[in-house]
C-alpha atoms as a PDB file:
ATOM      1  CA  UNK A   1     -20.843 -20.301  -2.693  1.00  0.00           C
ATOM      2  CA  UNK A   2     -19.035 -22.417  -5.515  1.00  0.00           C
ATOM      3  CA  UNK A   3     -17.257 -25.424  -4.454  1.00  0.00           C
ATOM      4  CA  UNK A   4     -13.961 -24.197  -6.486  1.00  0.00           C
ATOM      5  CA  UNK A   5     -13.538 -20.582  -4.835  1.00  0.00           C
ATOM      6  CA  UNK A   6     -10.762 -19.723  -2.703  1.00  0.00           C
ATOM      7  CA  UNK A   7     -10.784 -17.645   0.520  1.00  0.00           C
ATOM      8  CA  UNK A   8      -8.082 -15.443  -0.422  1.00  0.00           C
ATOM      9  CA  UNK A   9      -4.811 -15.275  -2.343  1.00  0.00           C
ATOM     10  CA  UNK A  10      -1.256 -15.689  -1.148  1.00  0.00           C
ATOM     11  CA  UNK A  11      -0.727 -16.365   2.621  1.00  0.00           C
ATOM     12  CA  UNK A  12      -4.382 -15.946   3.553  1.00  0.00           C
ATOM     13  CA  UNK A  13      -5.202 -19.349   1.568  1.00  0.00           C
ATOM     14  CA  UNK A  14      -2.686 -21.229   3.918  1.00  0.00           C
ATOM     15  CA  UNK A  15      -4.922 -20.333   7.045  1.00  0.00           C
ATOM     16  CA  UNK A  16      -8.276 -20.329   5.405  1.00  0.00           C
ATOM     17  CA  UNK A  17     -11.121 -22.912   6.203  1.00  0.00           C
ATOM     18  CA  UNK A  18     -14.649 -23.682   5.246  1.00  0.00           C
ATOM     19  CA  UNK A  19     -15.974 -23.009   8.472  1.00  0.00           C
ATOM     20  CA  UNK A  20     -14.312 -19.822   9.127  1.00  0.00           C
ATOM     21  CA  UNK A  21     -14.790 -17.651   6.191  1.00  0.00           C
ATOM     22  CA  UNK A  22     -15.988 -19.607   3.179  1.00  0.00           C
ATOM     23  CA  UNK A  23     -19.597 -20.895   2.872  1.00  0.00           C
ATOM     24  CA  UNK A  24     -21.781 -22.597   5.484  1.00  0.00           C
ATOM     25  CA  UNK A  25     -19.932 -26.119   5.808  1.00  0.00           C
ATOM     26  CA  UNK A  26     -18.999 -27.333   9.177  1.00  0.00           C
ATOM     27  CA  UNK A  27     -15.854 -28.869   8.415  1.00  0.00           C
ATOM     28  CA  UNK A  28     -12.191 -27.925   7.682  1.00  0.00           C
ATOM     29  CA  UNK A  29     -11.099 -28.712   4.253  1.00  0.00           C
ATOM     30  CA  UNK A  30      -7.646 -28.521   5.215  1.00  0.00           C
ATOM     31  CA  UNK A  31      -7.548 -27.519   8.849  1.00  0.00           C
ATOM     32  CA  UNK A  32      -6.340 -24.036  10.021  1.00  0.00           C
ATOM     33  CA  UNK A  33      -2.544 -24.344  10.691  1.00  0.00           C
ATOM     34  CA  UNK A  34      -2.697 -22.748  14.408  1.00  0.00           C
ATOM     35  CA  UNK A  35       0.546 -20.912  14.231  1.00  0.00           C
ATOM     36  CA  UNK A  36       0.277 -18.899  11.041  1.00  0.00           C
ATOM     37  CA  UNK A  37      -3.301 -17.626  12.383  1.00  0.00           C
ATOM     38  CA  UNK A  38      -2.387 -17.128  16.018  1.00  0.00           C
ATOM     39  CA  UNK A  39       0.655 -15.027  14.743  1.00  0.00           C
ATOM     40  CA  UNK A  40      -1.548 -13.036  12.287  1.00  0.00           C
ATOM     41  CA  UNK A  41      -3.861 -12.455  15.412  1.00  0.00           C
ATOM     42  CA  UNK A  42      -1.070 -11.666  18.006  1.00  0.00           C
ATOM     43  CA  UNK A  43       0.638  -9.119  14.885  1.00  0.00           C
ATOM     44  CA  UNK A  44      -2.637  -7.354  14.495  1.00  0.00           C
ATOM     45  CA  UNK A  45      -3.161  -6.876  18.351  1.00  0.00           C
ATOM     46  CA  UNK A  46       0.709  -5.801  18.808  1.00  0.00           C
ATOM     47  CA  UNK A  47       0.455  -3.617  15.739  1.00  0.00           C
ATOM     48  CA  UNK A  48      -2.600  -1.718  16.993  1.00  0.00           C
ATOM     49  CA  UNK A  49      -1.159  -1.270  20.397  1.00  0.00           C
ATOM     50  CA  UNK A  50       1.861   0.192  18.500  1.00  0.00           C
ATOM     51  CA  UNK A  51      -0.394   2.327  16.583  1.00  0.00           C
ATOM     52  CA  UNK A  52      -2.177   3.856  19.534  1.00  0.00           C
ATOM     53  CA  UNK A  53      -4.489   1.273  20.658  1.00  0.00           C
ATOM     54  CA  UNK A  54      -8.446   0.651  20.044  1.00  0.00           C
ATOM     55  CA  UNK A  55      -8.851   4.185  21.920  1.00  0.00           C
ATOM     56  CA  UNK A  56      -6.796   6.580  20.335  1.00  0.00           C
ATOM     57  CA  UNK A  57      -8.643  10.035  20.414  1.00  0.00           C
ATOM     58  CA  UNK A  58      -6.430  11.976  17.941  1.00  0.00           C
ATOM     59  CA  UNK A  59      -7.938  12.445  14.726  1.00  0.00           C
ATOM     60  CA  UNK A  60      -5.877  12.637  11.846  1.00  0.00           C
ATOM     61  CA  UNK A  61      -5.533  16.010   9.544  1.00  0.00           C
ATOM     62  CA  UNK A  62      -7.908  16.297   6.905  1.00  0.00           C
ATOM     63  CA  UNK A  63      -6.427  15.958   3.396  1.00  0.00           C
ATOM     64  CA  UNK A  64      -4.887  19.031   1.991  1.00  0.00           C
ATOM     65  CA  UNK A  65      -6.486  19.204  -1.282  1.00  0.00           C
ATOM     66  CA  UNK A  66      -6.840  22.664  -2.901  1.00  0.00           C
ATOM     67  CA  UNK A  67     -10.214  24.514  -2.088  1.00  0.00           C
ATOM     68  CA  UNK A  68     -12.946  23.269  -4.030  1.00  0.00           C
ATOM     69  CA  UNK A  69     -11.100  19.963  -4.966  1.00  0.00           C
ATOM     70  CA  UNK A  70     -11.656  16.726  -3.511  1.00  0.00           C
ATOM     71  CA  UNK A  71      -9.272  14.021  -3.667  1.00  0.00           C
ATOM     72  CA  UNK A  72     -10.174  10.639  -5.166  1.00  0.00           C
ATOM     73  CA  UNK A  73     -11.131   7.593  -3.134  1.00  0.00           C
ATOM     74  CA  UNK A  74      -8.540   4.413  -3.450  1.00  0.00           C
ATOM     75  CA  UNK A  75      -9.773   1.965  -5.780  1.00  0.00           C
ATOM     76  CA  UNK A  76     -11.218  -1.434  -4.154  1.00  0.00           C
ATOM     77  CA  UNK A  77      -9.214  -4.683  -5.055  1.00  0.00           C
ATOM     78  CA  UNK A  78     -12.755  -6.263  -5.653  1.00  0.00           C
ATOM     79  CA  UNK A  79     -16.490  -5.287  -5.718  1.00  0.00           C
ATOM     80  CA  UNK A  80     -16.128  -2.253  -8.004  1.00  0.00           C
ATOM     81  CA  UNK A  81     -19.546  -3.238  -9.455  1.00  0.00           C
ATOM     82  CA  UNK A  82     -20.928  -2.023  -6.209  1.00  0.00           C
ATOM     83  CA  UNK A  83     -19.641   1.415  -6.163  1.00  0.00           C
ATOM     84  CA  UNK A  84     -22.696   3.574  -6.115  1.00  0.00           C
ATOM     85  CA  UNK A  85     -25.420   1.262  -5.227  1.00  0.00           C
ATOM     86  CA  UNK A  86     -27.142   1.302  -1.736  1.00  0.00           C
ATOM     87  CA  UNK A  87     -26.468  -1.221   0.928  1.00  0.00           C
ATOM     88  CA  UNK A  88     -29.913  -2.283   2.424  1.00  0.00           C
ATOM     89  CA  UNK A  89     -28.986  -1.827   6.179  1.00  0.00           C
ATOM     90  CA  UNK A  90     -32.774  -1.671   6.960  1.00  0.00           C
ATOM     91  CA  UNK A  91     -33.107  -5.120   6.258  1.00  0.00           C
ATOM     92  CA  UNK A  92     -30.504  -6.280   9.177  1.00  0.00           C
ATOM     93  CA  UNK A  93     -31.937  -7.577  12.550  1.00  0.00           C
ATOM     94  CA  UNK A  94     -31.033  -7.424  15.985  1.00  0.00           C
ATOM     95  CA  UNK A  95     -29.870  -3.795  16.215  1.00  0.00           C
ATOM     96  CA  UNK A  96     -27.677  -3.232  19.647  1.00  0.00           C
ATOM     97  CA  UNK A  97     -27.997  -0.505  20.556  1.00  0.00           C
ATOM     98  CA  UNK A  98     -29.750   1.048  17.365  1.00  0.00           C
ATOM     99  CA  UNK A  99     -29.074   1.677  13.566  1.00  0.00           C
ATOM    100  CA  UNK A 100     -26.680   4.480  12.826  1.00  0.00           C
ATOM    101  CA  UNK A 101     -28.389   7.942  12.495  1.00  0.00           C
ATOM    102  CA  UNK A 102     -29.736   8.866   9.150  1.00  0.00           C
ATOM    103  CA  UNK A 103     -27.597  11.993   8.994  1.00  0.00           C
ATOM    104  CA  UNK A 104     -24.317  10.008   9.525  1.00  0.00           C
ATOM    105  CA  UNK A 105     -21.700  11.348   6.976  1.00  0.00           C
ATOM    106  CA  UNK A 106     -19.919   7.994   6.635  1.00  0.00           C
ATOM    107  CA  UNK A 107     -20.750   4.625   7.800  1.00  0.00           C
ATOM    108  CA  UNK A 108     -18.308   1.659   7.752  1.00  0.00           C
ATOM    109  CA  UNK A 109     -20.149  -1.768   7.830  1.00  0.00           C
ATOM    110  CA  UNK A 110     -18.234  -5.073   8.546  1.00  0.00           C
ATOM    111  CA  UNK A 111     -19.484  -8.489   8.387  1.00  0.00           C
ATOM    112  CA  UNK A 112     -17.872 -11.013  10.845  1.00  0.00           C
ATOM    113  CA  UNK A 113     -18.394 -14.090  12.724  1.00  0.00           C
ATOM    114  CA  UNK A 114     -17.120 -15.846  15.694  1.00  0.00           C
ATOM    115  CA  UNK A 115     -15.556 -18.748  13.974  1.00  0.00           C
ATOM    116  CA  UNK A 116     -13.405 -16.635  11.845  1.00  0.00           C
ATOM    117  CA  UNK A 117      -9.838 -16.093  12.625  1.00  0.00           C
ATOM    118  CA  UNK A 118      -9.659 -13.125  10.006  1.00  0.00           C
ATOM    119  CA  UNK A 119     -12.554 -11.419  11.973  1.00  0.00           C
ATOM    120  CA  UNK A 120     -10.817 -11.751  15.241  1.00  0.00           C
ATOM    121  CA  UNK A 121      -7.704 -10.155  13.597  1.00  0.00           C
ATOM    122  CA  UNK A 122      -9.793  -7.469  12.111  1.00  0.00           C
ATOM    123  CA  UNK A 123     -12.284  -6.367  14.490  1.00  0.00           C
ATOM    124  CA  UNK A 124      -9.555  -4.581  16.941  1.00  0.00           C
ATOM    125  CA  UNK A 125      -8.788  -2.599  13.838  1.00  0.00           C
ATOM    126  CA  UNK A 126     -12.476  -1.742  13.132  1.00  0.00           C
ATOM    127  CA  UNK A 127     -12.731  -0.664  16.649  1.00  0.00           C
ATOM    128  CA  UNK A 128      -9.507   1.505  16.190  1.00  0.00           C
ATOM    129  CA  UNK A 129     -11.301   3.203  13.093  1.00  0.00           C
ATOM    130  CA  UNK A 130     -14.216   3.807  15.064  1.00  0.00           C
ATOM    131  CA  UNK A 131     -12.519   5.589  17.910  1.00  0.00           C
ATOM    132  CA  UNK A 132     -10.272   7.424  15.359  1.00  0.00           C
ATOM    133  CA  UNK A 133     -13.091   9.015  13.304  1.00  0.00           C
ATOM    134  CA  UNK A 134     -16.197   9.022  15.471  1.00  0.00           C
ATOM    135  CA  UNK A 135     -15.625  12.437  16.567  1.00  0.00           C
ATOM    136  CA  UNK A 136     -16.083  13.526  12.957  1.00  0.00           C
ATOM    137  CA  UNK A 137     -19.237  11.427  12.596  1.00  0.00           C
ATOM    138  CA  UNK A 138     -18.136   8.163  11.459  1.00  0.00           C
ATOM    139  CA  UNK A 139     -20.750   5.365  12.177  1.00  0.00           C
ATOM    140  CA  UNK A 140     -19.683   1.982  12.600  1.00  0.00           C
ATOM    141  CA  UNK A 141     -21.892  -1.228  12.116  1.00  0.00           C
ATOM    142  CA  UNK A 142     -20.149  -4.775  12.995  1.00  0.00           C
ATOM    143  CA  UNK A 143     -22.840  -7.364  11.195  1.00  0.00           C
ATOM    144  CA  UNK A 144     -22.749 -10.713  12.479  1.00  0.00           C
ATOM    145  CA  UNK A 145     -23.497 -13.594  10.421  1.00  0.00           C
ATOM    146  CA  UNK A 146     -23.521 -17.001  12.119  1.00  0.00           C
ATOM    147  CA  UNK A 147     -21.986 -19.989  10.396  1.00  0.00           C
ATOM    148  CA  UNK A 148     -24.049 -22.115   9.774  1.00  0.00           C
ATOM    149  CA  UNK A 149     -26.811 -19.553   9.447  1.00  0.00           C
ATOM    150  CA  UNK A 150     -29.064 -19.547  12.544  1.00  0.00           C
ATOM    151  CA  UNK A 151     -30.393 -17.209  15.276  1.00  0.00           C
ATOM    152  CA  UNK A 152     -28.209 -16.104  17.965  1.00  0.00           C
ATOM    153  CA  UNK A 153     -28.929 -13.960  20.800  1.00  0.00           C
ATOM    154  CA  UNK A 154     -27.918 -10.403  20.789  1.00  0.00           C
ATOM    155  CA  UNK A 155     -26.356 -11.199  24.226  1.00  0.00           C
ATOM    156  CA  UNK A 156     -24.128 -13.683  22.960  1.00  0.00           C
ATOM    157  CA  UNK A 157     -23.036 -11.609  20.050  1.00  0.00           C
ATOM    158  CA  UNK A 158     -22.124  -8.695  21.938  1.00  0.00           C
ATOM    159  CA  UNK A 159     -19.961 -10.964  24.363  1.00  0.00           C
ATOM    160  CA  UNK A 160     -18.209 -12.172  21.192  1.00  0.00           C
ATOM    161  CA  UNK A 161     -17.696  -8.816  19.717  1.00  0.00           C
ATOM    162  CA  UNK A 162     -16.429  -7.267  23.218  1.00  0.00           C
ATOM    163  CA  UNK A 163     -13.844 -10.620  23.225  1.00  0.00           C
ATOM    164  CA  UNK A 164     -12.617  -9.470  19.807  1.00  0.00           C
ATOM    165  CA  UNK A 165     -12.025  -5.914  20.728  1.00  0.00           C
ATOM    166  CA  UNK A 166     -15.016  -4.373  19.103  1.00  0.00           C
ATOM    167  CA  UNK A 167     -17.582  -2.299  21.236  1.00  0.00           C
ATOM    168  CA  UNK A 168     -19.601  -0.519  18.529  1.00  0.00           C
ATOM    169  CA  UNK A 169     -22.991  -0.801  17.191  1.00  0.00           C
ATOM    170  CA  UNK A 170     -23.992  -4.253  16.302  1.00  0.00           C
ATOM    171  CA  UNK A 171     -26.552  -5.969  13.797  1.00  0.00           C
ATOM    172  CA  UNK A 172     -27.508  -9.456  12.802  1.00  0.00           C
ATOM    173  CA  UNK A 173     -27.802 -11.028   9.384  1.00  0.00           C
ATOM    174  CA  UNK A 174     -28.942 -14.710  10.982  1.00  0.00           C
ATOM    175  CA  UNK A 175     -29.750 -16.194   7.522  1.00  0.00           C
ATOM    176  CA  UNK A 176     -27.204 -14.127   5.481  1.00  0.00           C
ATOM    177  CA  UNK A 177     -30.070 -12.773   3.429  1.00  0.00           C
ATOM    178  CA  UNK A 178     -28.499  -9.404   3.124  1.00  0.00           C
ATOM    179  CA  UNK A 179     -25.014 -10.586   2.581  1.00  0.00           C
ATOM    180  CA  UNK A 180     -26.367 -12.944  -0.230  1.00  0.00           C
ATOM    181  CA  UNK A 181     -28.607 -10.556  -1.762  1.00  0.00           C
ATOM    182  CA  UNK A 182     -25.849  -7.874  -2.731  1.00  0.00           C
ATOM    183  CA  UNK A 183     -22.692  -9.613  -2.149  1.00  0.00           C
ATOM    184  CA  UNK A 184     -22.195 -13.271  -2.718  1.00  0.00           C
ATOM    185  CA  UNK A 185     -24.791 -13.681  -5.169  1.00  0.00           C
ATOM    186  CA  UNK A 186     -23.574 -10.782  -7.203  1.00  0.00           C
ATOM    187  CA  UNK A 187     -20.030 -12.261  -8.180  1.00  0.00           C
ATOM    188  CA  UNK A 188     -17.474 -14.497  -7.374  1.00  0.00           C
ATOM    189  CA  UNK A 189     -16.179 -13.894  -3.795  1.00  0.00           C
ATOM    190  CA  UNK A 190     -13.316 -14.969  -1.980  1.00  0.00           C
ATOM    191  CA  UNK A 191     -14.857 -14.147   1.687  1.00  0.00           C
ATOM    192  CA  UNK A 192     -18.173 -13.457   3.372  1.00  0.00           C
ATOM    193  CA  UNK A 193     -16.133 -11.213   6.036  1.00  0.00           C
ATOM    194  CA  UNK A 194     -16.411  -7.972   3.700  1.00  0.00           C
ATOM    195  CA  UNK A 195     -16.456  -4.306   4.702  1.00  0.00           C
ATOM    196  CA  UNK A 196     -18.156  -1.209   3.107  1.00  0.00           C
ATOM    197  CA  UNK A 197     -17.888   2.294   3.426  1.00  0.00           C
ATOM    198  CA  UNK A 198     -21.107   4.272   2.596  1.00  0.00           C
ATOM    199  CA  UNK A 199     -21.475   8.111   2.078  1.00  0.00           C
ATOM    200  CA  UNK A 200     -24.310  10.220   3.691  1.00  0.00           C
ATOM    201  CA  UNK A 201     -27.013   8.782   0.985  1.00  0.00           C
ATOM    202  CA  UNK A 202     -26.313   5.341   2.082  1.00  0.00           C
ATOM    203  CA  UNK A 203     -24.242   4.521  -1.160  1.00  0.00           C
ATOM    204  CA  UNK A 204     -21.430   2.285  -1.393  1.00  0.00           C
ATOM    205  CA  UNK A 205     -18.382   4.222  -2.104  1.00  0.00           C
ATOM    206  CA  UNK A 206     -15.392   1.896  -1.143  1.00  0.00           C
ATOM    207  CA  UNK A 207     -15.398  -2.047  -0.641  1.00  0.00           C
ATOM    208  CA  UNK A 208     -12.797  -4.115   1.081  1.00  0.00           C
ATOM    209  CA  UNK A 209     -13.649  -7.706  -0.006  1.00  0.00           C
ATOM    210  CA  UNK A 210     -12.123  -9.484   2.870  1.00  0.00           C
ATOM    211  CA  UNK A 211     -11.196 -11.179   4.929  1.00  0.00           C
ATOM    212  CA  UNK A 212      -8.563  -9.393   7.130  1.00  0.00           C
ATOM    213  CA  UNK A 213      -6.929  -6.023   7.594  1.00  0.00           C
ATOM    214  CA  UNK A 214      -5.178  -4.455  10.300  1.00  0.00           C
ATOM    215  CA  UNK A 215      -2.252  -1.836  10.722  1.00  0.00           C
ATOM    216  CA  UNK A 216       1.276  -3.473  10.828  1.00  0.00           C
ATOM    217  CA  UNK A 217       4.881  -2.694  10.035  1.00  0.00           C
ATOM    218  CA  UNK A 218       5.718  -6.034   9.327  1.00  0.00           C
ATOM    219  CA  UNK A 219       6.848  -6.996   5.628  1.00  0.00           C
ATOM    220  CA  UNK A 220       4.700 -10.227   5.908  1.00  0.00           C
ATOM    221  CA  UNK A 221       1.680  -8.256   6.778  1.00  0.00           C
ATOM    222  CA  UNK A 222       1.924  -5.665   3.827  1.00  0.00           C
ATOM    223  CA  UNK A 223      -1.357  -6.621   2.402  1.00  0.00           C
ATOM    224  CA  UNK A 224      -3.087  -6.541   5.570  1.00  0.00           C
ATOM    225  CA  UNK A 225      -1.831  -3.265   6.229  1.00  0.00           C
ATOM    226  CA  UNK A 226      -2.344  -1.691   2.925  1.00  0.00           C
ATOM    227  CA  UNK A 227      -5.827  -2.757   3.013  1.00  0.00           C
ATOM    228  CA  UNK A 228      -6.140  -0.874   6.612  1.00  0.00           C
ATOM    229  CA  UNK A 229      -4.427   2.038   5.217  1.00  0.00           C
ATOM    230  CA  UNK A 230      -7.032   2.089   2.061  1.00  0.00           C
ATOM    231  CA  UNK A 231      -9.940   1.821   4.380  1.00  0.00           C
ATOM    232  CA  UNK A 232      -8.906   4.770   6.810  1.00  0.00           C
ATOM    233  CA  UNK A 233      -7.952   6.883   3.642  1.00  0.00           C
ATOM    234  CA  UNK A 234     -11.572   6.241   2.037  1.00  0.00           C
ATOM    235  CA  UNK A 235     -13.168   7.323   5.407  1.00  0.00           C
ATOM    236  CA  UNK A 236     -11.169  10.310   5.815  1.00  0.00           C
ATOM    237  CA  UNK A 237     -11.847  11.323   1.995  1.00  0.00           C
ATOM    238  CA  UNK A 238     -15.518  10.826   2.456  1.00  0.00           C
ATOM    239  CA  UNK A 239     -15.669  12.835   5.754  1.00  0.00           C
ATOM    240  CA  UNK A 240     -13.856  15.671   3.818  1.00  0.00           C
ATOM    241  CA  UNK A 241     -16.260  15.461   1.062  1.00  0.00           C
ATOM    242  CA  UNK A 242     -19.161  15.980   4.000  1.00  0.00           C
ATOM    243  CA  UNK A 243     -17.592  18.801   5.429  1.00  0.00           C
ATOM    244  CA  UNK A 244     -16.058  17.044   8.338  1.00  0.00           C
END
């Protein structure tokens, strides 16, 4: 990625670092202020507990659109040029336990890594979405991309995922080949830890450009909460579109 690119705007820039969520470099460009990052993670976990935790089983009511009329999806903040394109899940490695079923009506895919505080704050929210919508057919994949790119055992990746509150399906992108081919090399990106919502045909229908989202009622976390709500809304409306 270009040297001049930033991790994210506003408050997110204050906690960004090259090792965590931008490029493959090993050194911090300014360090991660421990207090902001820890507050974000703590806020995310507290908010998820307040919203019912990672294992809430009550499904939301479907959108009340008139019969035969589907509600539009929210507009992504970035990555709109990818909408309508396929995401090559079949090029990923290290599936644990297995790729999502071919007939999954909606699939949420999140790239993450173990050195990223934004991933640590977001994975519990990914797990919450998985628990919230899985009964209606949502498949979720957490794609691990190590920094720097290298081979990491499936056992280690599973342990890191569980430590961060995620217990769903995992896949590996050890050399970032998939991430580079359709995301990093396709435009100017602020983060590698992006999320994509796919329809039943495997087509990208919604993009969260990263690096962080989680539910929160704090004013300081308005952007993170709005991004979480947009993801949930995109999943909900695609499930309704699929008759779920």
